[in-house]
């Protein structure tokens, strides 16, 4: 018999074994200490917690409703530890040579012109979205097919809302290094826009 604890992580409620809770709490505390000097530390930690919650949700089934220590260790292995991040050398060897992340197409509303479909397709295929926009305009002028296809894609392709989805859109692994870099870029962009 094990004691379980109810927690709220990334906006979701989980039942978690007491030993798994201790390990998760220790991991999050280490991350908090590691990112304490960062200006955007609260945003980085919030995005990491959201990603941990996403990983936990994939581990739950109708038969398994409690997060155990193996689930916590699996999430830590996916995200990495603070020791895996080297502030001076950029990504660690583990990050550089690990397999690419889950690659999914999303609408990129951060770089959109209309709805973000072309920007998302460009990020997914790692090409300049201008080429995709030219194709859609040519199809629209050549009979209107481009408008219909764009509207269908706008409805079908989900918007990249979270940091993890924005990282997945580019095909990079969703680990603490990439989350930190993404949040810092967004934070710097917002700060630069506020100066003007």
Foldseek 3Di string as FASTA:
>chain_A
DFDWDWDQFLNDIAIETPVLVVVLVVQLVQLCVLCVPPPCSVVLSSLLRNQLVVQVVVVDDPVRRYHYNVSSVVSCVLADGSVQQDPVPAGHPCQVPPAWAAADFAQEPVPDDPQRNLVLVCLRVVHDSVVVVVVLVVVCVVPHVSVVVVVVSSVVHHHQDGQCSVSNSNRHRNYSSSSVVSSVVVVVVVVVVVVD
